[in-house]
Amino acid sequence: MINIDELKKKIIYRSNYRGTKEMENLLSAFTKKYINNLNENDLLDLEKLLNIDDTNLYNFYNSIKTDFEFESNNINFLYKNFDYKQK
């Protein structure tokens, strides 16, 4: 059985510590907005998303060709359509 609280902590940590500051800001804002409204499957999909390298995540978010095949799921849809406003 999955410990949801531990999974959320892992996801939050992973979203805050990336390779680039830009992706840390984007992914932490995305995670903060959605994490408490996600079911177990979505949390697992979010964990998978966060294991993808920053370049492919950046390209996917900005509709640039990626080297990675992104699954069709709720998390990837939310991420792709996330309205990120930099401060």
N, C-alpha and C. Protein backbone atom coordinates (compact mmCIF):
# COMPACT_ATOMS: atom_id res chain seq x y z
N MET A 1 0.84 -1.20 0.00
CA MET A 1 0.00 0.00 0.00
C MET A 1 0.88 1.25 0.00
N ILE A 2 0.45 2.24 -0.72
CA ILE A 2 1.23 3.48 -0.87
C ILE A 2 0.94 4.44 0.29
N ASN A 3 1.99 5.01 0.84
CA ASN A 3 1.86 6.05 1.85
C ASN A 3 1.75 7.38 1.10
N ILE A 4 0.54 7.92 1.03
CA ILE A 4 0.26 9.14 0.25
C ILE A 4 1.08 10.33 0.77
N ASP A 5 1.17 10.47 2.09
CA ASP A 5 1.92 11.61 2.64
C ASP A 5 3.40 11.55 2.27
N GLU A 6 3.99 10.35 2.31
CA GLU A 6 5.39 10.20 1.91
C GLU A 6 5.57 10.49 0.42
N LEU A 7 4.63 10.02 -0.38
CA LEU A 7 4.69 10.26 -1.82
C LEU A 7 4.61 11.76 -2.10
N LYS A 8 3.71 12.46 -1.42
CA LYS A 8 3.59 13.91 -1.61
C LYS A 8 4.87 14.63 -1.21
N LYS A 9 5.49 14.22 -0.11
CA LYS A 9 6.76 14.84 0.31
C LYS A 9 7.84 14.64 -0.74
N LYS A 10 7.90 13.43 -1.28
CA LYS A 10 8.89 13.11 -2.31
C LYS A 10 8.65 13.97 -3.56
N ILE A 11 7.39 14.09 -3.95
CA ILE A 11 7.03 14.90 -5.12
C ILE A 11 7.39 16.37 -4.91
N ILE A 12 7.06 16.89 -3.76
CA ILE A 12 7.36 18.30 -3.46
C ILE A 12 8.87 18.53 -3.48
N TYR A 13 9.62 17.63 -2.87
CA TYR A 13 11.07 17.75 -2.88
C TYR A 13 11.60 17.73 -4.31
N ARG A 14 11.15 16.75 -5.09
CA ARG A 14 11.63 16.59 -6.48
C ARG A 14 11.27 17.80 -7.34
N SER A 15 10.12 18.40 -7.09
CA SER A 15 9.72 19.57 -7.89
C SER A 15 10.54 20.81 -7.54
N ASN A 16 11.06 20.86 -6.32
CA ASN A 16 11.84 22.02 -5.87
C ASN A 16 13.33 21.94 -6.17
N TYR A 17 13.82 20.74 -6.43
CA TYR A 17 15.26 20.56 -6.66
C TYR A 17 15.48 19.92 -8.02
N ARG A 18 15.65 20.77 -9.02
CA ARG A 18 15.81 20.37 -10.41
C ARG A 18 17.20 20.78 -10.88
N GLY A 19 17.42 20.71 -12.18
CA GLY A 19 18.70 21.11 -12.73
C GLY A 19 18.81 22.61 -12.96
N THR A 20 17.67 23.23 -13.21
CA THR A 20 17.68 24.67 -13.50
C THR A 20 16.67 25.39 -12.62
N LYS A 21 16.97 26.64 -12.31
CA LYS A 21 16.08 27.45 -11.47
C LYS A 21 14.73 27.64 -12.16
N GLU A 22 14.75 27.82 -13.47
CA GLU A 22 13.51 28.03 -14.21
C GLU A 22 12.56 26.84 -14.05
N MET A 23 13.11 25.62 -14.16
CA MET A 23 12.27 24.43 -14.02
C MET A 23 11.86 24.21 -12.56
N GLU A 24 12.72 24.57 -11.62
CA GLU A 24 12.33 24.49 -10.21
C GLU A 24 11.12 25.38 -9.95
N ASN A 25 11.16 26.60 -10.48
CA ASN A 25 10.05 27.54 -10.29
C ASN A 25 8.77 27.03 -10.94
N LEU A 26 8.87 26.58 -12.18
CA LEU A 26 7.70 26.08 -12.91
C LEU A 26 7.10 24.85 -12.22
N LEU A 27 7.94 23.86 -11.95
CA LEU A 27 7.44 22.60 -11.39
C LEU A 27 6.96 22.74 -9.95
N SER A 28 7.62 23.58 -9.17
CA SER A 28 7.15 23.77 -7.80
C SER A 28 5.81 24.51 -7.78
N ALA A 29 5.63 25.48 -8.67
CA ALA A 29 4.34 26.19 -8.77
C ALA A 29 3.24 25.24 -9.23
N PHE A 30 3.54 24.41 -10.20
CA PHE A 30 2.58 23.42 -10.70
C PHE A 30 2.20 22.44 -9.59
N THR A 31 3.20 21.91 -8.91
CA THR A 31 2.95 20.94 -7.84
C THR A 31 2.14 21.56 -6.71
N LYS A 32 2.53 22.77 -6.31
CA LYS A 32 1.82 23.45 -5.23
C LYS A 32 0.34 23.65 -5.56
N LYS A 33 0.05 23.98 -6.80
CA LYS A 33 -1.34 24.23 -7.21
C LYS A 33 -2.19 22.97 -7.15
N TYR A 34 -1.65 21.84 -7.55
CA TYR A 34 -2.46 20.64 -7.73
C TYR A 34 -2.32 19.53 -6.70
N ILE A 35 -1.23 19.47 -5.97
CA ILE A 35 -0.91 18.27 -5.20
C ILE A 35 -2.00 17.84 -4.22
N ASN A 36 -2.67 18.76 -3.60
CA ASN A 36 -3.68 18.38 -2.60
C ASN A 36 -5.03 18.00 -3.20
N ASN A 37 -5.15 18.10 -4.52
CA ASN A 37 -6.40 17.73 -5.18
C ASN A 37 -6.26 16.48 -6.05
N LEU A 38 -5.12 15.82 -5.97
CA LEU A 38 -4.85 14.67 -6.84
C LEU A 38 -5.17 13.36 -6.14
N ASN A 39 -5.67 12.41 -6.91
CA ASN A 39 -5.88 11.07 -6.37
C ASN A 39 -4.57 10.28 -6.45
N GLU A 40 -4.58 9.07 -5.97
CA GLU A 40 -3.37 8.26 -5.91
C GLU A 40 -2.75 8.03 -7.29
N ASN A 41 -3.56 7.72 -8.28
CA ASN A 41 -3.03 7.49 -9.64
C ASN A 41 -2.40 8.75 -10.21
N ASP A 42 -3.04 9.89 -9.98
CA ASP A 42 -2.48 11.15 -10.46
C ASP A 42 -1.16 11.46 -9.76
N LEU A 43 -1.09 11.17 -8.48
CA LEU A 43 0.17 11.40 -7.75
C LEU A 43 1.29 10.52 -8.32
N LEU A 44 0.96 9.29 -8.64
CA LEU A 44 1.97 8.40 -9.24
C LEU A 44 2.39 8.90 -10.62
N ASP A 45 1.43 9.43 -11.39
CA ASP A 45 1.76 10.00 -12.70
C ASP A 45 2.61 11.26 -12.54
N LEU A 46 2.32 12.05 -11.52
CA LEU A 46 3.12 13.25 -11.26
C LEU A 46 4.55 12.86 -10.88
N GLU A 47 4.68 11.81 -10.09
CA GLU A 47 6.01 11.34 -9.74
C GLU A 47 6.77 10.91 -10.99
N LYS A 48 6.10 10.22 -11.91
CA LYS A 48 6.72 9.82 -13.18
C LYS A 48 7.14 11.05 -13.99
N LEU A 49 6.25 12.04 -14.04
CA LEU A 49 6.56 13.27 -14.78
C LEU A 49 7.82 13.92 -14.24
N LEU A 50 7.95 13.96 -12.92
CA LEU A 50 9.10 14.62 -12.30
C LEU A 50 10.40 13.85 -12.48
N ASN A 51 10.31 12.60 -12.91
CA ASN A 51 11.52 11.82 -13.19
C ASN A 51 12.05 12.05 -14.60
N ILE A 52 11.32 12.82 -15.39
CA ILE A 52 11.77 13.15 -16.75
C ILE A 52 12.74 14.33 -16.66
N ASP A 53 13.73 14.33 -17.52
CA ASP A 53 14.75 15.38 -17.48
C ASP A 53 14.17 16.76 -17.82
N ASP A 54 14.84 17.80 -17.31
CA ASP A 54 14.35 19.17 -17.47
C ASP A 54 14.19 19.60 -18.92
N THR A 55 15.10 19.19 -19.78
CA THR A 55 15.03 19.62 -21.18
C THR A 55 13.74 19.12 -21.83
N ASN A 56 13.43 17.85 -21.65
CA ASN A 56 12.21 17.31 -22.24
C ASN A 56 10.95 17.90 -21.59
N LEU A 57 10.99 18.14 -20.28
CA LEU A 57 9.86 18.77 -19.61
C LEU A 57 9.64 20.20 -20.12
N TYR A 58 10.72 20.93 -20.27
CA TYR A 58 10.64 22.29 -20.79
C TYR A 58 10.09 22.30 -22.21
N ASN A 59 10.62 21.42 -23.05
CA ASN A 59 10.17 21.36 -24.44
C ASN A 59 8.71 20.95 -24.54
N PHE A 60 8.30 19.97 -23.77
CA PHE A 60 6.90 19.52 -23.77
C PHE A 60 5.98 20.67 -23.35
N TYR A 61 6.35 21.36 -22.29
CA TYR A 61 5.54 22.47 -21.78
C TYR A 61 5.41 23.58 -22.84
N ASN A 62 6.47 23.81 -23.59
CA ASN A 62 6.50 24.89 -24.58
C ASN A 62 6.20 24.43 -26.00
N SER A 63 5.65 23.23 -26.14
CA SER A 63 5.26 22.67 -27.45
C SER A 63 6.43 22.59 -28.43
N ILE A 64 7.58 22.24 -27.91
CA ILE A 64 8.77 22.01 -28.73
C ILE A 64 8.96 20.50 -28.80
N LYS A 65 9.47 20.02 -29.94
CA LYS A 65 9.68 18.57 -30.10
C LYS A 65 10.55 18.02 -28.97
N THR A 66 10.14 16.86 -28.45
CA THR A 66 10.88 16.23 -27.36
C THR A 66 11.50 14.91 -27.81
N ASP A 67 12.47 14.44 -27.04
CA ASP A 67 13.08 13.13 -27.26
C ASP A 67 12.32 12.06 -26.49
N PHE A 68 11.26 12.45 -25.82
CA PHE A 68 10.55 11.58 -24.89
C PHE A 68 9.10 11.47 -25.33
N GLU A 69 8.54 10.29 -25.21
CA GLU A 69 7.13 10.08 -25.54
C GLU A 69 6.30 10.28 -24.27
N PHE A 70 5.55 11.35 -24.22
CA PHE A 70 4.73 11.66 -23.05
C PHE A 70 3.41 10.90 -23.12
N GLU A 71 3.06 10.25 -22.03
CA GLU A 71 1.79 9.53 -21.95
C GLU A 71 0.63 10.51 -22.01
N SER A 72 -0.50 9.99 -22.42
CA SER A 72 -1.72 10.78 -22.39
C SER A 72 -2.41 10.50 -21.06
N ASN A 73 -2.25 11.41 -20.12
CA ASN A 73 -2.91 11.25 -18.82
C ASN A 73 -3.26 12.63 -18.25
N ASN A 74 -4.00 12.62 -17.17
CA ASN A 74 -4.48 13.86 -16.56
C ASN A 74 -3.34 14.78 -16.15
N ILE A 75 -2.29 14.25 -15.55
CA ILE A 75 -1.17 15.07 -15.08
C ILE A 75 -0.46 15.75 -16.24
N ASN A 76 -0.18 15.01 -17.28
CA ASN A 76 0.50 15.61 -18.43
C ASN A 76 -0.37 16.67 -19.08
N PHE A 77 -1.68 16.44 -19.11
CA PHE A 77 -2.60 17.45 -19.65
C PHE A 77 -2.57 18.71 -18.78
N LEU A 78 -2.66 18.53 -17.46
CA LEU A 78 -2.62 19.69 -16.55
C LEU A 78 -1.30 20.45 -16.67
N TYR A 79 -0.21 19.71 -16.75
CA TYR A 79 1.11 20.34 -16.86
C TYR A 79 1.23 21.12 -18.17
N LYS A 80 0.83 20.50 -19.25
CA LYS A 80 0.94 21.13 -20.57
C LYS A 80 0.12 22.41 -20.64
N ASN A 81 -1.01 22.44 -19.92
CA ASN A 81 -1.92 23.58 -19.95
C ASN A 81 -1.81 24.48 -18.73
N PHE A 82 -0.79 24.25 -17.91
CA PHE A 82 -0.59 25.05 -16.70
C PHE A 82 -0.23 26.48 -17.07
N ASP A 83 -0.93 27.42 -16.50
CA ASP A 83 -0.69 28.84 -16.77
C ASP A 83 0.30 29.36 -15.73
N TYR A 84 1.57 29.34 -16.08
CA TYR A 84 2.63 29.74 -15.16
C TYR A 84 2.98 31.20 -15.35
N LYS A 85 2.83 31.94 -14.28
CA LYS A 85 3.18 33.36 -14.31
C LYS A 85 4.41 33.57 -13.43
N GLN A 86 5.52 33.93 -14.07
CA GLN A 86 6.74 34.19 -13.29
C GLN A 86 6.60 35.49 -12.54
N LYS A 87 7.14 35.49 -11.33
CA LYS A 87 7.07 36.71 -10.50
C LYS A 87 8.29 37.55 -10.69
